[in-house]
C-alpha cells in the first residue's frame, strides 16, 4: 500500500522541481536543459518528477503561470491605493524599470525569450502562450487605458488594443535586451523614453 502524503508535502516537492528547473533553464538554456539536469539539481528521481509534470514544457508553463499570477496579484494590490489610470500606467513602468535590475529577473527573461521562440514551432504550446498574452497581459493594460478614456485622462480616439500591444512589445524587448546585453544597455533611459512616448500618444493636446 502506497504511503499517504499530505498536500503540503506535494506542494513542497512541486516547488522544489520548479525552482530547480528554473536554475537549470537559466544556466543551460531551455532547449539544452534536460529532465536529468533537473533531477540532479533537485535530488529527485525522474519518476518522482514525472508524478508532477509530464514534460519539460509542462514545467515551464507552470513556472510561467505562477510568475504571471504573482505579477498581477502584486499590481492589483497596489492599484487599490491608486485612484486614476495615469498613475496605474506609471506604476507599471516603474515596476518593470526597477525589477530589471535583479539577476533573477534577467534569468527569467532569458528563459522566457527562448521558450517564446521555441513555442512558435509547437501548435499546442503556441496556443497557450497566445491565450495568456491576449487574455492576461494585453487585456490588463487595455482595461487601464479604457479607464483613462472614460475618465477623460486619455484621448478618446486612441486604439487601446494597439497601445496595449505597443506597451508589452517595448517592455518585453527592453527587458530581454538588458538580460542579454547587461550594463552596456541603457535600460533606465530607454524605459523613460518609452514611457514618454506612450503618454504622448495617450494625452490630449490643444
C-alpha atoms as a PDB file:
ATOM      1  CA  UNK A   1       0.000   0.000   0.000  1.00  0.00           C
ATOM      2  CA  UNK A   2       1.416   3.409  -1.027  1.00  0.00           C
ATOM      3  CA  UNK A   3       2.202   5.819   1.817  1.00  0.00           C
ATOM      4  CA  UNK A   4      -0.216   8.693   2.287  1.00  0.00           C
ATOM      5  CA  UNK A   5       1.417  12.078   1.724  1.00  0.00           C
ATOM      6  CA  UNK A   6      -0.013  15.448   2.636  1.00  0.00           C
ATOM      7  CA  UNK A   7      -0.921  18.208   0.221  1.00  0.00           C
ATOM      8  CA  UNK A   8       1.767  20.353   1.849  1.00  0.00           C
ATOM      9  CA  UNK A   9       4.362  17.687   1.056  1.00  0.00           C
ATOM     10  CA  UNK A  10       3.208  17.553  -2.568  1.00  0.00           C
ATOM     11  CA  UNK A  11       3.330  21.338  -2.901  1.00  0.00           C
ATOM     12  CA  UNK A  12       6.830  21.452  -1.428  1.00  0.00           C
ATOM     13  CA  UNK A  13       8.042  18.787  -3.860  1.00  0.00           C
ATOM     14  CA  UNK A  14       6.452  20.610  -6.755  1.00  0.00           C
ATOM     15  CA  UNK A  15       8.058  23.872  -5.635  1.00  0.00           C
ATOM     16  CA  UNK A  16      11.466  22.167  -5.462  1.00  0.00           C
ATOM     17  CA  UNK A  17      11.076  20.893  -9.029  1.00  0.00           C
ATOM     18  CA  UNK A  18      10.105  24.340 -10.315  1.00  0.00           C
ATOM     19  CA  UNK A  19      12.952  26.124  -8.520  1.00  0.00           C
ATOM     20  CA  UNK A  20      15.455  23.542  -9.748  1.00  0.00           C
ATOM     21  CA  UNK A  21      14.119  23.705 -13.294  1.00  0.00           C
ATOM     22  CA  UNK A  22      14.358  27.493 -13.443  1.00  0.00           C
ATOM     23  CA  UNK A  23      18.002  27.356 -12.367  1.00  0.00           C
ATOM     24  CA  UNK A  24      18.750  24.691 -14.969  1.00  0.00           C
ATOM     25  CA  UNK A  25      16.938  26.639 -17.707  1.00  0.00           C
ATOM     26  CA  UNK A  26      18.821  29.816 -16.766  1.00  0.00           C
ATOM     27  CA  UNK A  27      22.219  28.094 -16.706  1.00  0.00           C
ATOM     28  CA  UNK A  28      21.973  25.871 -19.794  1.00  0.00           C
ATOM     29  CA  UNK A  29      19.095  27.347 -21.770  1.00  0.00           C
ATOM     30  CA  UNK A  30      15.621  25.845 -22.075  1.00  0.00           C
ATOM     31  CA  UNK A  31      16.395  23.683 -25.095  1.00  0.00           C
ATOM     32  CA  UNK A  32      19.641  22.226 -23.710  1.00  0.00           C
ATOM     33  CA  UNK A  33      18.470  21.647 -20.137  1.00  0.00           C
ATOM     34  CA  UNK A  34      17.113  18.136 -19.569  1.00  0.00           C
ATOM     35  CA  UNK A  35      14.952  16.350 -17.060  1.00  0.00           C
ATOM     36  CA  UNK A  36      18.168  14.621 -15.924  1.00  0.00           C
ATOM     37  CA  UNK A  37      19.615  18.059 -15.118  1.00  0.00           C
ATOM     38  CA  UNK A  38      16.530  18.885 -13.070  1.00  0.00           C
ATOM     39  CA  UNK A  39      16.838  15.550 -11.269  1.00  0.00           C
ATOM     40  CA  UNK A  40      20.461  16.260 -10.388  1.00  0.00           C
ATOM     41  CA  UNK A  41      19.653  19.768  -9.185  1.00  0.00           C
ATOM     42  CA  UNK A  42      16.608  18.767  -7.127  1.00  0.00           C
ATOM     43  CA  UNK A  43      17.877  15.413  -5.827  1.00  0.00           C
ATOM     44  CA  UNK A  44      14.676  13.773  -7.070  1.00  0.00           C
ATOM     45  CA  UNK A  45      14.278  10.804  -9.371  1.00  0.00           C
ATOM     46  CA  UNK A  46      12.801  11.009 -12.861  1.00  0.00           C
ATOM     47  CA  UNK A  47       9.812   9.004 -11.690  1.00  0.00           C
ATOM     48  CA  UNK A  48       9.151  11.481  -8.890  1.00  0.00           C
ATOM     49  CA  UNK A  49       9.312  14.437 -11.277  1.00  0.00           C
ATOM     50  CA  UNK A  50       7.005  12.722 -13.767  1.00  0.00           C
ATOM     51  CA  UNK A  51       4.484  12.289 -10.967  1.00  0.00           C
ATOM     52  CA  UNK A  52       4.024  16.061 -11.093  1.00  0.00           C
ATOM     53  CA  UNK A  53       4.863  17.054 -14.682  1.00  0.00           C
ATOM     54  CA  UNK A  54       4.562  15.135 -17.939  1.00  0.00           C
ATOM     55  CA  UNK A  55       7.134  17.119 -19.910  1.00  0.00           C
ATOM     56  CA  UNK A  56       9.725  19.888 -19.681  1.00  0.00           C
ATOM     57  CA  UNK A  57       7.212  22.159 -21.430  1.00  0.00           C
ATOM     58  CA  UNK A  58       4.708  21.485 -18.638  1.00  0.00           C
ATOM     59  CA  UNK A  59       7.302  22.559 -16.073  1.00  0.00           C
ATOM     60  CA  UNK A  60       7.930  25.825 -17.883  1.00  0.00           C
ATOM     61  CA  UNK A  61       4.209  26.566 -18.292  1.00  0.00           C
ATOM     62  CA  UNK A  62       3.705  26.074 -14.559  1.00  0.00           C
ATOM     63  CA  UNK A  63       6.638  28.403 -13.863  1.00  0.00           C
ATOM     64  CA  UNK A  64       5.134  30.947 -16.232  1.00  0.00           C
ATOM     65  CA  UNK A  65       1.667  30.700 -14.698  1.00  0.00           C
ATOM     66  CA  UNK A  66       2.978  31.159 -11.167  1.00  0.00           C
ATOM     67  CA  UNK A  67       5.085  34.151 -12.178  1.00  0.00           C
ATOM     68  CA  UNK A  68       2.153  35.699 -14.030  1.00  0.00           C
ATOM     69  CA  UNK A  69      -0.164  35.256 -11.044  1.00  0.00           C
ATOM     70  CA  UNK A  70       2.405  36.765  -8.679  1.00  0.00           C
ATOM     71  CA  UNK A  71       2.899  39.753 -11.005  1.00  0.00           C
ATOM     72  CA  UNK A  72      -0.760  40.589 -11.381  1.00  0.00           C
ATOM     73  CA  UNK A  73      -1.604  39.949  -7.737  1.00  0.00           C
ATOM     74  CA  UNK A  74       1.118  42.496  -6.962  1.00  0.00           C
ATOM     75  CA  UNK A  75      -0.288  45.028  -9.436  1.00  0.00           C
ATOM     76  CA  UNK A  76      -3.872  44.614  -8.252  1.00  0.00           C
ATOM     77  CA  UNK A  77      -2.872  45.007  -4.609  1.00  0.00           C
ATOM     78  CA  UNK A  78      -1.076  48.283  -5.363  1.00  0.00           C
ATOM     79  CA  UNK A  79      -3.879  49.518  -7.600  1.00  0.00           C
ATOM     80  CA  UNK A  80      -6.166  49.569  -4.547  1.00  0.00           C
ATOM     81  CA  UNK A  81      -4.359  52.735  -3.452  1.00  0.00           C
ATOM     82  CA  UNK A  82      -4.160  54.318  -6.934  1.00  0.00           C
ATOM     83  CA  UNK A  83      -7.159  56.374  -7.995  1.00  0.00           C
ATOM     84  CA  UNK A  84      -6.552  57.014 -11.694  1.00  0.00           C
ATOM     85  CA  UNK A  85      -5.396  55.334 -14.889  1.00  0.00           C
ATOM     86  CA  UNK A  86      -2.416  57.633 -15.420  1.00  0.00           C
ATOM     87  CA  UNK A  87      -0.832  56.645 -12.119  1.00  0.00           C
ATOM     88  CA  UNK A  88      -1.570  52.945 -12.747  1.00  0.00           C
ATOM     89  CA  UNK A  89       0.286  53.047 -16.045  1.00  0.00           C
ATOM     90  CA  UNK A  90       3.147  54.979 -14.444  1.00  0.00           C
ATOM     91  CA  UNK A  91       3.318  52.318 -11.726  1.00  0.00           C
ATOM     92  CA  UNK A  92       3.652  49.561 -14.354  1.00  0.00           C
ATOM     93  CA  UNK A  93       6.554  51.371 -15.987  1.00  0.00           C
ATOM     94  CA  UNK A  94       8.224  51.979 -12.622  1.00  0.00           C
ATOM     95  CA  UNK A  95       7.840  48.336 -11.600  1.00  0.00           C
ATOM     96  CA  UNK A  96       9.354  46.911 -14.771  1.00  0.00           C
ATOM     97  CA  UNK A  97      12.084  49.541 -14.847  1.00  0.00           C
ATOM     98  CA  UNK A  98      13.210  48.612 -11.337  1.00  0.00           C
ATOM     99  CA  UNK A  99      12.738  44.833 -11.455  1.00  0.00           C
ATOM    100  CA  UNK A 100      15.062  44.598 -14.473  1.00  0.00           C
ATOM    101  CA  UNK A 101      17.967  45.275 -12.129  1.00  0.00           C
ATOM    102  CA  UNK A 102      17.802  41.857 -10.450  1.00  0.00           C
ATOM    103  CA  UNK A 103      19.755  38.805 -11.631  1.00  0.00           C
ATOM    104  CA  UNK A 104      16.734  36.540 -11.056  1.00  0.00           C
ATOM    105  CA  UNK A 105      14.624  38.646 -13.400  1.00  0.00           C
ATOM    106  CA  UNK A 106      17.359  38.646 -16.044  1.00  0.00           C
ATOM    107  CA  UNK A 107      17.489  34.846 -15.908  1.00  0.00           C
ATOM    108  CA  UNK A 108      13.699  34.638 -16.110  1.00  0.00           C
ATOM    109  CA  UNK A 109      13.616  36.894 -19.187  1.00  0.00           C
ATOM    110  CA  UNK A 110      16.252  34.809 -20.985  1.00  0.00           C
ATOM    111  CA  UNK A 111      14.305  31.629 -20.282  1.00  0.00           C
ATOM    112  CA  UNK A 112      11.044  33.291 -21.311  1.00  0.00           C
ATOM    113  CA  UNK A 113      12.534  34.611 -24.545  1.00  0.00           C
ATOM    114  CA  UNK A 114      13.901  31.207 -25.505  1.00  0.00           C
ATOM    115  CA  UNK A 115      10.643  29.433 -24.673  1.00  0.00           C
ATOM    116  CA  UNK A 116       8.603  32.052 -26.556  1.00  0.00           C
ATOM    117  CA  UNK A 117      10.636  31.375 -29.703  1.00  0.00           C
ATOM    118  CA  UNK A 118      10.508  27.595 -29.346  1.00  0.00           C
ATOM    119  CA  UNK A 119       6.738  27.684 -28.719  1.00  0.00           C
ATOM    120  CA  UNK A 120       6.173  29.059 -32.229  1.00  0.00           C
ATOM    121  CA  UNK A 121       7.057  25.590 -33.550  1.00  0.00           C
ATOM    122  CA  UNK A 122       4.642  23.767 -31.236  1.00  0.00           C
ATOM    123  CA  UNK A 123       0.986  24.364 -32.065  1.00  0.00           C
ATOM    124  CA  UNK A 124      -0.442  23.422 -28.655  1.00  0.00           C
ATOM    125  CA  UNK A 125       2.141  25.429 -26.686  1.00  0.00           C
ATOM    126  CA  UNK A 126       1.759  28.399 -29.028  1.00  0.00           C
ATOM    127  CA  UNK A 127      -1.981  28.427 -28.318  1.00  0.00           C
ATOM    128  CA  UNK A 128      -1.321  28.536 -24.572  1.00  0.00           C
ATOM    129  CA  UNK A 129       1.165  31.399 -24.968  1.00  0.00           C
ATOM    130  CA  UNK A 130      -1.184  33.348 -27.235  1.00  0.00           C
ATOM    131  CA  UNK A 131      -4.122  32.909 -24.861  1.00  0.00           C
ATOM    132  CA  UNK A 132      -2.001  34.124 -21.943  1.00  0.00           C
ATOM    133  CA  UNK A 133      -0.797  37.139 -23.901  1.00  0.00           C
ATOM    134  CA  UNK A 134      -4.246  38.135 -25.178  1.00  0.00           C
ATOM    135  CA  UNK A 135      -6.389  37.397 -22.130  1.00  0.00           C
ATOM    136  CA  UNK A 136      -3.999  38.251 -19.294  1.00  0.00           C
ATOM    137  CA  UNK A 137      -1.295  40.705 -20.283  1.00  0.00           C
ATOM    138  CA  UNK A 138      -2.896  42.602 -23.129  1.00  0.00           C
ATOM    139  CA  UNK A 139      -6.365  42.785 -21.569  1.00  0.00           C
ATOM    140  CA  UNK A 140      -4.857  44.069 -18.310  1.00  0.00           C
ATOM    141  CA  UNK A 141      -3.389  47.153 -19.982  1.00  0.00           C
ATOM    142  CA  UNK A 142      -6.467  47.619 -22.179  1.00  0.00           C
ATOM    143  CA  UNK A 143      -8.576  47.889 -19.010  1.00  0.00           C
ATOM    144  CA  UNK A 144      -6.302  50.652 -17.683  1.00  0.00           C
ATOM    145  CA  UNK A 145      -6.456  52.523 -20.991  1.00  0.00           C
ATOM    146  CA  UNK A 146     -10.248  52.224 -21.201  1.00  0.00           C
ATOM    147  CA  UNK A 147     -10.483  53.539 -17.648  1.00  0.00           C
ATOM    148  CA  UNK A 148      -8.375  56.532 -18.677  1.00  0.00           C
ATOM    149  CA  UNK A 149     -10.543  57.177 -21.725  1.00  0.00           C
ATOM    150  CA  UNK A 150     -13.735  57.009 -19.648  1.00  0.00           C
ATOM    151  CA  UNK A 151     -12.351  59.385 -17.007  1.00  0.00           C
ATOM    152  CA  UNK A 152     -11.133  61.887 -19.590  1.00  0.00           C
ATOM    153  CA  UNK A 153      -7.442  61.353 -18.780  1.00  0.00           C
ATOM    154  CA  UNK A 154      -6.658  59.918 -22.200  1.00  0.00           C
ATOM    155  CA  UNK A 155      -7.742  60.810 -25.697  1.00  0.00           C
ATOM    156  CA  UNK A 156     -10.995  59.207 -26.808  1.00  0.00           C
ATOM    157  CA  UNK A 157      -9.685  58.340 -30.276  1.00  0.00           C
ATOM    158  CA  UNK A 158      -6.848  56.047 -29.174  1.00  0.00           C
ATOM    159  CA  UNK A 159      -6.904  52.370 -30.081  1.00  0.00           C
ATOM    160  CA  UNK A 160      -6.446  50.727 -26.676  1.00  0.00           C
ATOM    161  CA  UNK A 161      -5.678  47.341 -28.237  1.00  0.00           C
ATOM    162  CA  UNK A 162      -2.827  48.765 -30.324  1.00  0.00           C
ATOM    163  CA  UNK A 163      -1.433  50.855 -27.456  1.00  0.00           C
ATOM    164  CA  UNK A 164      -1.501  47.806 -25.175  1.00  0.00           C
ATOM    165  CA  UNK A 165       0.405  45.818 -27.801  1.00  0.00           C
ATOM    166  CA  UNK A 166       2.971  48.620 -28.109  1.00  0.00           C
ATOM    167  CA  UNK A 167       3.356  48.701 -24.315  1.00  0.00           C
ATOM    168  CA  UNK A 168       4.134  44.984 -23.984  1.00  0.00           C
ATOM    169  CA  UNK A 169       6.313  44.933 -27.106  1.00  0.00           C
ATOM    170  CA  UNK A 170       8.541  47.602 -25.600  1.00  0.00           C
ATOM    171  CA  UNK A 171       8.556  46.154 -22.072  1.00  0.00           C
ATOM    172  CA  UNK A 172       9.436  42.656 -23.292  1.00  0.00           C
ATOM    173  CA  UNK A 173      12.021  43.969 -25.731  1.00  0.00           C
ATOM    174  CA  UNK A 174      13.723  46.275 -23.240  1.00  0.00           C
ATOM    175  CA  UNK A 175      13.879  43.613 -20.533  1.00  0.00           C
ATOM    176  CA  UNK A 176      15.184  40.968 -22.934  1.00  0.00           C
ATOM    177  CA  UNK A 177      17.823  43.308 -24.390  1.00  0.00           C
ATOM    178  CA  UNK A 178      19.031  44.148 -20.909  1.00  0.00           C
ATOM    179  CA  UNK A 179      19.085  40.452 -19.933  1.00  0.00           C
ATOM    180  CA  UNK A 180      21.346  39.743 -22.928  1.00  0.00           C
ATOM    181  CA  UNK A 181      23.500  42.891 -23.011  1.00  0.00           C
ATOM    182  CA  UNK A 182      23.747  43.679 -19.302  1.00  0.00           C
ATOM    183  CA  UNK A 183      25.010  47.015 -18.068  1.00  0.00           C
ATOM    184  CA  UNK A 184      26.054  48.085 -21.571  1.00  0.00           C
ATOM    185  CA  UNK A 185      22.355  48.531 -22.341  1.00  0.00           C
ATOM    186  CA  UNK A 186      20.856  51.879 -21.119  1.00  0.00           C
ATOM    187  CA  UNK A 187      17.633  50.264 -19.896  1.00  0.00           C
ATOM    188  CA  UNK A 188      16.558  53.030 -17.472  1.00  0.00           C
ATOM    189  CA  UNK A 189      16.830  55.728 -20.125  1.00  0.00           C
ATOM    190  CA  UNK A 190      15.117  53.539 -22.718  1.00  0.00           C
ATOM    191  CA  UNK A 191      12.268  52.881 -20.282  1.00  0.00           C
ATOM    192  CA  UNK A 192      11.906  56.596 -19.558  1.00  0.00           C
ATOM    193  CA  UNK A 193      11.768  57.484 -23.247  1.00  0.00           C
ATOM    194  CA  UNK A 194       9.290  54.686 -23.908  1.00  0.00           C
ATOM    195  CA  UNK A 195       7.062  55.965 -21.114  1.00  0.00           C
ATOM    196  CA  UNK A 196       7.230  59.491 -22.566  1.00  0.00           C
ATOM    197  CA  UNK A 197       6.310  58.150 -25.997  1.00  0.00           C
ATOM    198  CA  UNK A 198       3.339  56.133 -24.722  1.00  0.00           C
ATOM    199  CA  UNK A 199       1.956  59.065 -22.761  1.00  0.00           C
ATOM    200  CA  UNK A 200       2.471  61.355 -25.766  1.00  0.00           C
ATOM    201  CA  UNK A 201       0.151  59.023 -27.702  1.00  0.00           C
ATOM    202  CA  UNK A 202      -2.391  58.980 -24.871  1.00  0.00           C
ATOM    203  CA  UNK A 203      -2.632  62.532 -23.637  1.00  0.00           C
ATOM    204  CA  UNK A 204      -4.916  65.227 -25.040  1.00  0.00           C
ATOM    205  CA  UNK A 205      -3.289  68.062 -26.931  1.00  0.00           C
ATOM    206  CA  UNK A 206      -4.742  71.510 -27.568  1.00  0.00           C
END
